[in-house]
Amino acid sequence: MRADVNGVGAFYGDQANTVKEDAYVLVNLKLGYETEKFDIYVWGRNLFDKAYHTIKYDWDGMELVQDAEPFCAGLSVAWRF
């Protein structure tokens, strides 16, 4: 089992500090089982579906943003031979 908690502080996207992205926290989780022959994992990223922007800045009076990845989950399997 692995749990990650990542905190990101507030940041500004322009020199005048008028375009602000607030601080946020992301929680990721990975649960699995490993043997000599195979690994299997169930995982989830952004478990609480936190909406935030990875890029946020001002360009000639227009605020441009790039939305981050929402909640995502999956299954990973590795087989060794």
N, C-alpha and C. Protein backbone atom coordinates (compact mmCIF):
# COMPACT_ATOMS: atom_id res chain seq x y z
N MET A 1 0.85 -1.17 0.00
CA MET A 1 0.00 0.00 0.00
C MET A 1 0.90 1.23 0.00
N ARG A 2 0.46 2.23 -0.74
CA ARG A 2 1.17 3.50 -0.76
C ARG A 2 0.14 4.62 -0.85
N ALA A 3 0.30 5.61 0.01
CA ALA A 3 -0.56 6.80 -0.02
C ALA A 3 0.34 8.02 -0.14
N ASP A 4 0.00 8.92 -1.04
CA ASP A 4 0.74 10.16 -1.24
C ASP A 4 -0.19 11.34 -0.99
N VAL A 5 0.29 12.30 -0.25
CA VAL A 5 -0.42 13.56 -0.06
C VAL A 5 0.53 14.66 -0.53
N ASN A 6 0.14 15.38 -1.57
CA ASN A 6 0.97 16.42 -2.16
C ASN A 6 0.30 17.77 -1.99
N GLY A 7 1.00 18.67 -1.34
CA GLY A 7 0.49 20.03 -1.17
C GLY A 7 1.24 21.00 -2.07
N VAL A 8 0.51 21.90 -2.70
CA VAL A 8 1.09 22.92 -3.58
C VAL A 8 0.63 24.28 -3.07
N GLY A 9 1.57 25.17 -2.85
CA GLY A 9 1.23 26.50 -2.36
C GLY A 9 0.63 27.37 -3.45
N ALA A 10 0.01 28.45 -3.02
CA ALA A 10 -0.58 29.41 -3.96
C ALA A 10 0.51 29.99 -4.86
N PHE A 11 0.13 30.33 -6.08
CA PHE A 11 1.09 30.97 -6.99
C PHE A 11 0.37 31.99 -7.86
N TYR A 12 1.14 32.90 -8.41
CA TYR A 12 0.62 33.96 -9.26
C TYR A 12 1.10 33.75 -10.68
N GLY A 13 0.25 34.09 -11.65
CA GLY A 13 0.57 33.87 -13.05
C GLY A 13 0.92 35.14 -13.81
N ASP A 14 1.19 36.23 -13.11
CA ASP A 14 1.60 37.45 -13.80
C ASP A 14 2.54 38.24 -12.90
N GLN A 15 3.23 39.20 -13.47
CA GLN A 15 4.20 39.98 -12.71
C GLN A 15 3.54 40.91 -11.68
N ALA A 16 2.30 41.32 -11.94
CA ALA A 16 1.60 42.21 -11.03
C ALA A 16 0.92 41.46 -9.87
N ASN A 17 1.01 40.14 -9.87
CA ASN A 17 0.37 39.30 -8.84
C ASN A 17 -1.13 39.53 -8.75
N THR A 18 -1.79 39.54 -9.91
CA THR A 18 -3.25 39.69 -9.93
C THR A 18 -3.95 38.40 -10.34
N VAL A 19 -3.26 37.49 -11.02
CA VAL A 19 -3.84 36.21 -11.44
C VAL A 19 -3.32 35.15 -10.48
N LYS A 20 -4.17 34.74 -9.55
CA LYS A 20 -3.74 33.84 -8.47
C LYS A 20 -4.42 32.48 -8.57
N GLU A 21 -3.64 31.44 -8.35
CA GLU A 21 -4.16 30.09 -8.16
C GLU A 21 -3.98 29.75 -6.69
N ASP A 22 -5.06 29.38 -6.03
CA ASP A 22 -5.01 29.07 -4.60
C ASP A 22 -4.24 27.77 -4.34
N ALA A 23 -3.79 27.62 -3.11
CA ALA A 23 -3.11 26.39 -2.70
C ALA A 23 -4.08 25.21 -2.78
N TYR A 24 -3.54 24.02 -2.99
CA TYR A 24 -4.39 22.82 -3.04
C TYR A 24 -3.61 21.61 -2.55
N VAL A 25 -4.34 20.55 -2.21
CA VAL A 25 -3.76 19.30 -1.75
C VAL A 25 -4.35 18.17 -2.58
N LEU A 26 -3.49 17.27 -3.02
CA LEU A 26 -3.92 16.10 -3.80
C LEU A 26 -3.60 14.83 -3.02
N VAL A 27 -4.49 13.84 -3.10
CA VAL A 27 -4.28 12.56 -2.43
C VAL A 27 -4.32 11.46 -3.49
N ASN A 28 -3.27 10.63 -3.49
CA ASN A 28 -3.17 9.49 -4.39
C ASN A 28 -3.02 8.22 -3.56
N LEU A 29 -3.51 7.09 -4.08
CA LEU A 29 -3.45 5.83 -3.35
C LEU A 29 -3.15 4.69 -4.31
N LYS A 30 -2.31 3.75 -3.85
CA LYS A 30 -1.97 2.57 -4.65
C LYS A 30 -1.98 1.36 -3.72
N LEU A 31 -2.81 0.37 -4.04
CA LEU A 31 -2.92 -0.86 -3.26
C LEU A 31 -2.57 -2.03 -4.16
N GLY A 32 -1.76 -2.96 -3.65
CA GLY A 32 -1.40 -4.05 -4.54
C GLY A 32 -0.86 -5.27 -3.84
N TYR A 33 -0.49 -6.21 -4.69
CA TYR A 33 0.05 -7.49 -4.25
C TYR A 33 1.20 -7.84 -5.18
N GLU A 34 2.34 -8.27 -4.60
CA GLU A 34 3.52 -8.62 -5.39
C GLU A 34 3.95 -10.05 -5.08
N THR A 35 4.33 -10.79 -6.13
CA THR A 35 4.93 -12.11 -5.98
C THR A 35 6.18 -12.14 -6.84
N GLU A 36 6.84 -13.30 -6.89
CA GLU A 36 8.02 -13.43 -7.75
C GLU A 36 7.66 -13.37 -9.23
N LYS A 37 6.45 -13.77 -9.57
CA LYS A 37 6.03 -13.85 -10.98
C LYS A 37 5.18 -12.69 -11.46
N PHE A 38 4.40 -12.06 -10.58
CA PHE A 38 3.51 -11.00 -11.05
C PHE A 38 3.25 -9.97 -9.95
N ASP A 39 2.81 -8.81 -10.38
CA ASP A 39 2.35 -7.72 -9.50
C ASP A 39 0.97 -7.29 -10.00
N ILE A 40 0.10 -6.95 -9.07
CA ILE A 40 -1.20 -6.41 -9.45
C ILE A 40 -1.53 -5.25 -8.50
N TYR A 41 -1.96 -4.14 -9.06
CA TYR A 41 -2.24 -2.94 -8.28
C TYR A 41 -3.55 -2.30 -8.72
N VAL A 42 -4.27 -1.76 -7.75
CA VAL A 42 -5.41 -0.88 -7.98
C VAL A 42 -4.94 0.48 -7.49
N TRP A 43 -5.15 1.52 -8.28
CA TRP A 43 -4.64 2.84 -7.91
C TRP A 43 -5.66 3.93 -8.24
N GLY A 44 -5.49 5.05 -7.56
CA GLY A 44 -6.33 6.22 -7.81
C GLY A 44 -5.51 7.48 -7.63
N ARG A 45 -5.69 8.43 -8.53
CA ARG A 45 -5.03 9.74 -8.44
C ARG A 45 -6.10 10.81 -8.25
N ASN A 46 -5.77 11.83 -7.46
CA ASN A 46 -6.70 12.91 -7.15
C ASN A 46 -8.00 12.33 -6.59
N LEU A 47 -7.87 11.54 -5.51
CA LEU A 47 -9.00 10.79 -4.95
C LEU A 47 -10.21 11.64 -4.60
N PHE A 48 -10.02 12.88 -4.21
CA PHE A 48 -11.15 13.72 -3.82
C PHE A 48 -11.59 14.65 -4.95
N ASP A 49 -11.12 14.37 -6.16
CA ASP A 49 -11.52 15.09 -7.38
C ASP A 49 -11.37 16.61 -7.23
N LYS A 50 -10.22 17.03 -6.71
CA LYS A 50 -9.95 18.45 -6.51
C LYS A 50 -9.77 19.15 -7.85
N ALA A 51 -10.54 20.20 -8.09
CA ALA A 51 -10.42 20.99 -9.32
C ALA A 51 -9.35 22.07 -9.09
N TYR A 52 -8.36 22.10 -9.95
CA TYR A 52 -7.29 23.09 -9.86
C TYR A 52 -6.69 23.28 -11.25
N HIS A 53 -5.80 24.24 -11.37
CA HIS A 53 -5.15 24.54 -12.65
C HIS A 53 -3.66 24.27 -12.54
N THR A 54 -3.08 23.65 -13.55
CA THR A 54 -1.64 23.43 -13.58
C THR A 54 -0.91 24.64 -14.13
N ILE A 55 -1.58 25.40 -14.98
CA ILE A 55 -1.03 26.64 -15.53
C ILE A 55 -2.11 27.71 -15.43
N LYS A 56 -1.71 28.88 -14.97
CA LYS A 56 -2.66 29.99 -14.89
C LYS A 56 -1.87 31.28 -15.04
N TYR A 57 -2.14 32.03 -16.11
CA TYR A 57 -1.41 33.29 -16.31
C TYR A 57 -2.23 34.28 -17.11
N ASP A 58 -1.75 35.50 -17.11
CA ASP A 58 -2.41 36.60 -17.81
C ASP A 58 -1.63 36.89 -19.09
N TRP A 59 -2.36 36.97 -20.21
CA TRP A 59 -1.73 37.25 -21.49
C TRP A 59 -2.52 38.37 -22.17
N ASP A 60 -1.96 39.56 -22.18
CA ASP A 60 -2.61 40.74 -22.77
C ASP A 60 -4.04 40.94 -22.27
N GLY A 61 -4.23 40.80 -20.96
CA GLY A 61 -5.54 41.04 -20.37
C GLY A 61 -6.46 39.85 -20.37
N MET A 62 -6.05 38.74 -20.99
CA MET A 62 -6.87 37.52 -20.96
C MET A 62 -6.25 36.54 -19.98
N GLU A 63 -7.08 35.98 -19.12
CA GLU A 63 -6.60 34.98 -18.18
C GLU A 63 -6.67 33.62 -18.86
N LEU A 64 -5.52 32.97 -19.00
CA LEU A 64 -5.44 31.65 -19.64
C LEU A 64 -5.15 30.61 -18.57
N VAL A 65 -5.87 29.50 -18.63
CA VAL A 65 -5.68 28.43 -17.64
C VAL A 65 -5.64 27.07 -18.33
N GLN A 66 -4.96 26.14 -17.68
CA GLN A 66 -4.99 24.74 -18.11
C GLN A 66 -5.50 23.92 -16.94
N ASP A 67 -6.65 23.29 -17.12
CA ASP A 67 -7.22 22.47 -16.06
C ASP A 67 -6.36 21.23 -15.83
N ALA A 68 -6.29 20.81 -14.58
CA ALA A 68 -5.53 19.62 -14.23
C ALA A 68 -6.40 18.37 -14.39
N GLU A 69 -5.76 17.23 -14.28
CA GLU A 69 -6.45 15.95 -14.43
C GLU A 69 -7.42 15.73 -13.26
N PRO A 70 -8.67 15.37 -13.53
CA PRO A 70 -9.61 15.07 -12.45
C PRO A 70 -9.31 13.69 -11.85
N PHE A 71 -10.19 13.20 -10.99
CA PHE A 71 -10.04 11.86 -10.41
C PHE A 71 -9.83 10.83 -11.52
N CYS A 72 -8.88 9.95 -11.29
CA CYS A 72 -8.56 8.91 -12.27
C CYS A 72 -8.21 7.64 -11.48
N ALA A 73 -8.70 6.48 -11.94
CA ALA A 73 -8.41 5.22 -11.25
C ALA A 73 -8.08 4.16 -12.30
N GLY A 74 -7.36 3.13 -11.86
CA GLY A 74 -7.01 2.09 -12.81
C GLY A 74 -6.51 0.83 -12.13
N LEU A 75 -6.15 -0.12 -12.96
CA LEU A 75 -5.61 -1.40 -12.54
C LEU A 75 -4.35 -1.64 -13.35
N SER A 76 -3.26 -2.00 -12.66
CA SER A 76 -1.99 -2.29 -13.34
C SER A 76 -1.57 -3.72 -13.00
N VAL A 77 -1.11 -4.44 -14.03
CA VAL A 77 -0.64 -5.81 -13.86
C VAL A 77 0.71 -5.94 -14.54
N ALA A 78 1.65 -6.57 -13.85
CA ALA A 78 2.98 -6.85 -14.44
C ALA A 78 3.27 -8.33 -14.26
N TRP A 79 3.75 -8.96 -15.31
CA TRP A 79 4.08 -10.38 -15.29
C TRP A 79 5.55 -10.55 -15.64
N ARG A 80 6.27 -11.28 -14.84
CA ARG A 80 7.70 -11.53 -15.08
C ARG A 80 7.90 -12.97 -15.51
N PHE A 81 8.72 -13.14 -16.55
CA PHE A 81 9.00 -14.50 -17.02
C PHE A 81 10.44 -14.64 -17.38
